[in-house]
C-alpha cells in the first residue's frame, strides 16, 4: 500500500521533527514551504522530505494555502493521501492495516485539540508525551486520490465538498490530533508571530480570527480546556 502526506509550512522548526517522525512511518512526505525564515527547510531536507517553496509576499494568506491544499495531491498515484497542517497528526496504532480494509473513499477522523502545560521534550513520538485533548470539528484530511476529482476544501479545511466517487466514512477508529496548544508560551509566541504576517485578505474574510487571542484569552482557553480534557491516546 502506498500512502503520501502533504502539508504547508512556515516557521515550524519546533514541531516539524515530530511531524516528520510520525508521517515517515507511512510513506513519502511533501511539504510546501512558505519561505520559512527558521530552520524548517534545513530540517526537511535532512529528512529526505520533498519540499517546494511558494511566496505570499510574507503575508499569511489563507486563500493561497487553501488553493495549495486543494491541488497538491492531484498527481498522486498513492492509495491514500493525507492533507494536513504541520501540527496535525492522523493516527491509529495499526494505521496501514486499517487502511487496507476500510470502506469509503474519504475518511473523517475524530479530531482532538491536544493540550499540554509545556512543549514536549520526548525524543520519541509527540503523542508519547501529550495524550490529553478536547474533541473538535473534524476534517476530511484522509482520502483516496484516484477516486476524487476535487476535494474542494474551504479555508481552514473544516468544510469540504468532494467531487468524484465520494463515499464518506465517519465511523472509522482513525483519529486526528491537533498539537497546537503545547503550553501557553508556545501558543502566545505562535499567535503573536502569525499576527505580524496577517493579511488584509484574511482580516476582511474573518479567517484565522482565533490567532488574535491575547495571552489572557489563551490562559482562559487553557483553564476551560482542563475541565473537558479526555485521554485520547
Protein backbone atom coordinates (compact mmCIF):
# COMPACT_ATOMS: atom_id res chain seq x y z
CA UNK A 1 0.00 0.00 0.00
CA UNK A 2 1.22 3.48 -0.92
CA UNK A 3 0.46 6.45 1.33
CA UNK A 4 1.58 10.04 0.78
CA UNK A 5 1.39 13.04 3.12
CA UNK A 6 1.07 16.67 2.01
CA UNK A 7 1.35 19.79 4.18
CA UNK A 8 2.02 23.51 4.06
CA UNK A 9 4.62 25.01 6.38
CA UNK A 10 6.01 28.29 7.64
CA UNK A 11 8.48 28.51 10.53
CA UNK A 12 7.60 25.24 12.22
CA UNK A 13 11.07 24.16 13.33
CA UNK A 14 9.90 23.15 16.81
CA UNK A 15 7.17 20.72 15.83
CA UNK A 16 8.41 19.73 12.36
CA UNK A 17 10.74 16.95 13.62
CA UNK A 18 7.75 15.33 15.34
CA UNK A 19 5.70 15.69 12.16
CA UNK A 20 8.38 14.02 10.05
CA UNK A 21 8.98 11.30 12.63
CA UNK A 22 5.28 10.42 12.63
CA UNK A 23 4.40 10.57 8.93
CA UNK A 24 7.60 8.97 7.64
CA UNK A 25 6.31 5.72 9.15
CA UNK A 26 3.73 5.53 6.38
CA UNK A 27 5.34 6.81 3.19
CA UNK A 28 6.62 9.90 1.44
CA UNK A 29 6.11 13.45 2.73
CA UNK A 30 5.75 16.55 0.56
CA UNK A 31 5.93 19.97 2.20
CA UNK A 32 5.02 23.26 0.57
CA UNK A 33 7.08 25.83 2.43
CA UNK A 34 6.05 29.48 2.56
CA UNK A 35 9.67 30.70 2.65
CA UNK A 36 10.37 29.86 6.27
CA UNK A 37 12.99 32.03 7.95
CA UNK A 38 13.86 29.49 10.66
CA UNK A 39 15.39 26.01 10.26
CA UNK A 40 12.29 24.33 8.82
CA UNK A 41 13.70 23.86 5.32
CA UNK A 42 17.01 22.51 6.64
CA UNK A 43 15.20 20.03 8.87
CA UNK A 44 13.02 18.87 5.99
CA UNK A 45 15.92 18.45 3.57
CA UNK A 46 17.94 16.43 6.08
CA UNK A 47 14.98 14.08 6.39
CA UNK A 48 14.61 13.48 2.63
CA UNK A 49 11.26 15.26 2.56
CA UNK A 50 10.11 16.58 -0.81
CA UNK A 51 9.96 20.34 -0.43
CA UNK A 52 8.63 23.10 -2.69
CA UNK A 53 8.60 26.77 -1.82
CA UNK A 54 5.92 29.34 -2.60
CA UNK A 55 5.59 33.04 -1.88
CA UNK A 56 2.80 35.09 -0.32
CA UNK A 57 4.90 38.28 -0.11
CA UNK A 58 5.49 37.48 3.58
CA UNK A 59 1.80 37.57 4.38
CA UNK A 60 -0.44 34.96 5.93
CA UNK A 61 -2.85 34.23 3.07
CA UNK A 62 -5.38 31.53 3.91
CA UNK A 63 -6.79 31.68 0.36
CA UNK A 64 -3.41 30.72 -1.14
CA UNK A 65 -2.88 27.95 1.42
CA UNK A 66 -6.34 26.58 0.67
CA UNK A 67 -5.64 26.51 -3.04
CA UNK A 68 -2.44 24.54 -2.43
CA UNK A 69 -4.28 22.01 -0.26
CA UNK A 70 -6.90 21.59 -2.97
CA UNK A 71 -4.42 20.76 -5.73
CA UNK A 72 -1.25 19.40 -4.08
CA UNK A 73 -2.44 15.77 -4.13
CA UNK A 74 -3.79 15.62 -7.68
CA UNK A 75 -0.77 13.97 -9.29
CA UNK A 76 -0.51 11.36 -6.55
CA UNK A 77 -0.60 7.68 -7.53
CA UNK A 78 -0.94 6.61 -3.89
CA UNK A 79 -3.73 4.50 -2.48
CA UNK A 80 -4.35 7.10 0.22
CA UNK A 81 -3.24 10.69 0.76
CA UNK A 82 -3.22 12.72 3.97
CA UNK A 83 -3.55 16.50 3.56
CA UNK A 84 -2.76 18.11 6.90
CA UNK A 85 -1.12 21.02 8.69
CA UNK A 86 2.26 20.54 10.35
CA UNK A 87 0.65 20.34 13.79
CA UNK A 88 -1.98 17.76 12.76
CA UNK A 89 -1.26 14.05 13.22
CA UNK A 90 -3.52 11.34 11.78
CA UNK A 91 -3.23 8.29 13.99
CA UNK A 92 -4.15 4.69 14.60
CA UNK A 93 -1.76 2.21 16.17
CA UNK A 94 -2.29 -0.02 13.11
CA UNK A 95 -2.98 2.69 10.55
CA UNK A 96 -1.69 0.85 7.47
CA UNK A 97 -3.56 -2.34 8.32
CA UNK A 98 -6.77 -0.37 8.93
CA UNK A 99 -6.48 1.43 5.60
CA UNK A 100 -6.03 -1.87 3.78
CA UNK A 101 -9.53 -2.97 4.76
CA UNK A 102 -11.52 0.19 5.42
CA UNK A 103 -14.63 1.09 3.45
CA UNK A 104 -15.12 4.51 1.90
CA UNK A 105 -13.10 6.84 -0.29
CA UNK A 106 -12.92 9.72 2.20
CA UNK A 107 -12.33 9.32 5.93
CA UNK A 108 -13.48 11.83 8.52
CA UNK A 109 -11.33 11.04 11.57
CA UNK A 110 -12.42 12.13 15.03
CA UNK A 111 -10.35 15.23 15.73
CA UNK A 112 -8.95 16.40 19.05
CA UNK A 113 -7.24 19.61 20.09
CA UNK A 114 -4.40 18.35 22.26
CA UNK A 115 -3.23 20.24 25.35
CA UNK A 116 0.00 20.30 27.34
CA UNK A 117 1.32 22.65 30.00
CA UNK A 118 4.73 22.74 28.32
CA UNK A 119 6.20 21.98 24.93
CA UNK A 120 7.13 18.27 24.73
CA UNK A 121 10.74 17.16 25.07
CA UNK A 122 10.41 13.47 24.19
CA UNK A 123 12.75 12.09 21.55
CA UNK A 124 10.02 9.65 20.53
CA UNK A 125 6.62 10.46 19.09
CA UNK A 126 4.88 13.60 20.30
CA UNK A 127 1.86 11.56 21.42
CA UNK A 128 4.10 9.53 23.72
CA UNK A 129 4.09 12.61 25.93
CA UNK A 130 0.97 14.63 25.02
CA UNK A 131 -2.04 12.36 25.49
CA UNK A 132 -5.00 14.54 26.53
CA UNK A 133 -7.28 16.66 24.40
CA UNK A 134 -10.71 18.07 23.67
CA UNK A 135 -12.81 16.88 20.75
CA UNK A 136 -13.07 19.39 17.92
CA UNK A 137 -14.50 19.77 14.41
CA UNK A 138 -13.11 17.09 12.11
CA UNK A 139 -11.54 17.47 8.67
CA UNK A 140 -11.73 15.32 5.54
CA UNK A 141 -7.95 15.00 5.59
CA UNK A 142 -7.59 11.35 4.51
CA UNK A 143 -8.85 10.13 1.16
CA UNK A 144 -8.25 8.01 -1.94
CA UNK A 145 -6.86 10.37 -4.62
CA UNK A 146 -7.70 8.05 -7.50
CA UNK A 147 -11.39 8.23 -6.60
CA UNK A 148 -11.80 12.01 -6.36
CA UNK A 149 -11.67 14.75 -8.95
CA UNK A 150 -11.72 17.55 -6.39
CA UNK A 151 -11.65 17.83 -2.60
CA UNK A 152 -12.79 21.49 -2.52
CA UNK A 153 -11.60 22.48 0.93
CA UNK A 154 -12.87 25.77 2.25
CA UNK A 155 -10.47 28.00 4.25
CA UNK A 156 -9.48 26.18 7.43
CA UNK A 157 -10.25 22.76 5.87
CA UNK A 158 -13.09 22.01 8.30
CA UNK A 159 -15.50 22.05 5.37
CA UNK A 160 -15.06 20.35 2.01
CA UNK A 161 -17.21 19.41 -0.97
CA UNK A 162 -15.54 16.43 -2.67
CA UNK A 163 -16.32 15.60 -6.30
CA UNK A 164 -16.00 12.15 -7.85
CA UNK A 165 -16.59 8.81 -6.15
CA UNK A 166 -17.33 10.35 -2.76
CA UNK A 167 -18.14 7.75 -0.10
CA UNK A 168 -17.61 9.22 3.37
CA UNK A 169 -16.52 7.03 6.28
CA UNK A 170 -17.13 8.82 9.59
CA UNK A 171 -17.10 5.77 11.87
CA UNK A 172 -13.52 4.56 11.45
CA UNK A 173 -11.28 4.20 14.53
CA UNK A 174 -8.74 6.59 12.99
CA UNK A 175 -8.24 9.89 14.84
CA UNK A 176 -6.54 13.20 14.09
CA UNK A 177 -4.70 15.06 16.82
CA UNK A 178 -4.09 18.80 16.57
CA UNK A 179 -0.98 19.68 18.59
CA UNK A 180 -1.46 23.43 18.73
CA UNK A 181 -1.82 24.04 22.47
CA UNK A 182 1.60 22.92 23.66
CA UNK A 183 1.94 25.29 26.56
CA UNK A 184 0.70 28.88 26.80
CA UNK A 185 4.09 30.35 25.95
CA UNK A 186 4.23 28.37 22.71
CA UNK A 187 0.68 29.40 21.76
CA UNK A 188 1.24 33.07 22.56
CA UNK A 189 4.51 33.25 20.66
CA UNK A 190 2.96 31.50 17.67
CA UNK A 191 -0.09 33.78 17.62
CA UNK A 192 2.00 36.93 18.03
CA UNK A 193 4.23 35.99 15.11
CA UNK A 194 1.36 34.99 12.83
CA UNK A 195 -0.34 38.30 13.53
CA UNK A 196 2.70 40.18 12.25
CA UNK A 197 2.02 38.47 8.89
CA UNK A 198 -1.78 38.62 8.92
CA UNK A 199 -3.00 39.77 5.51
CA UNK A 200 -5.80 42.16 4.71
CA UNK A 201 -7.45 39.33 2.78
CA UNK A 202 -7.62 37.25 5.96
CA UNK A 203 -8.93 40.15 8.01
CA UNK A 204 -11.64 41.04 5.51
CA UNK A 205 -12.86 37.43 5.40
CA UNK A 206 -12.61 36.79 9.13
CA UNK A 207 -10.16 33.92 8.61
CA UNK A 208 -7.98 32.73 11.48
CA UNK A 209 -9.60 35.16 13.90
CA UNK A 210 -8.58 32.97 16.83
CA UNK A 211 -4.94 33.84 16.23
CA UNK A 212 -5.65 37.33 17.55
CA UNK A 213 -6.25 35.95 21.05
CA UNK A 214 -4.46 37.82 23.81
CA UNK A 215 -2.36 35.97 26.41
CA UNK A 216 -5.28 36.45 28.82
CA UNK A 217 -7.63 34.76 26.35
CA UNK A 218 -5.15 31.93 25.88
CA UNK A 219 -4.94 31.42 29.64
CA UNK A 220 -8.73 31.29 29.84
CA UNK A 221 -8.86 28.77 26.98
CA UNK A 222 -6.42 26.51 28.84
CA UNK A 223 -8.46 26.77 32.04
CA UNK A 224 -11.68 25.83 30.24
CA UNK A 225 -9.97 23.01 28.35
CA UNK A 226 -8.69 21.44 31.57
CA UNK A 227 -12.29 20.88 32.66
CA UNK A 228 -13.03 18.97 29.44
CA UNK A 229 -9.84 17.02 28.76
CA UNK A 230 -10.11 13.32 27.98
CA UNK A 231 -7.34 10.79 27.40
CA UNK A 232 -7.06 10.48 23.64
CA UNK A 233 -4.19 8.06 23.31
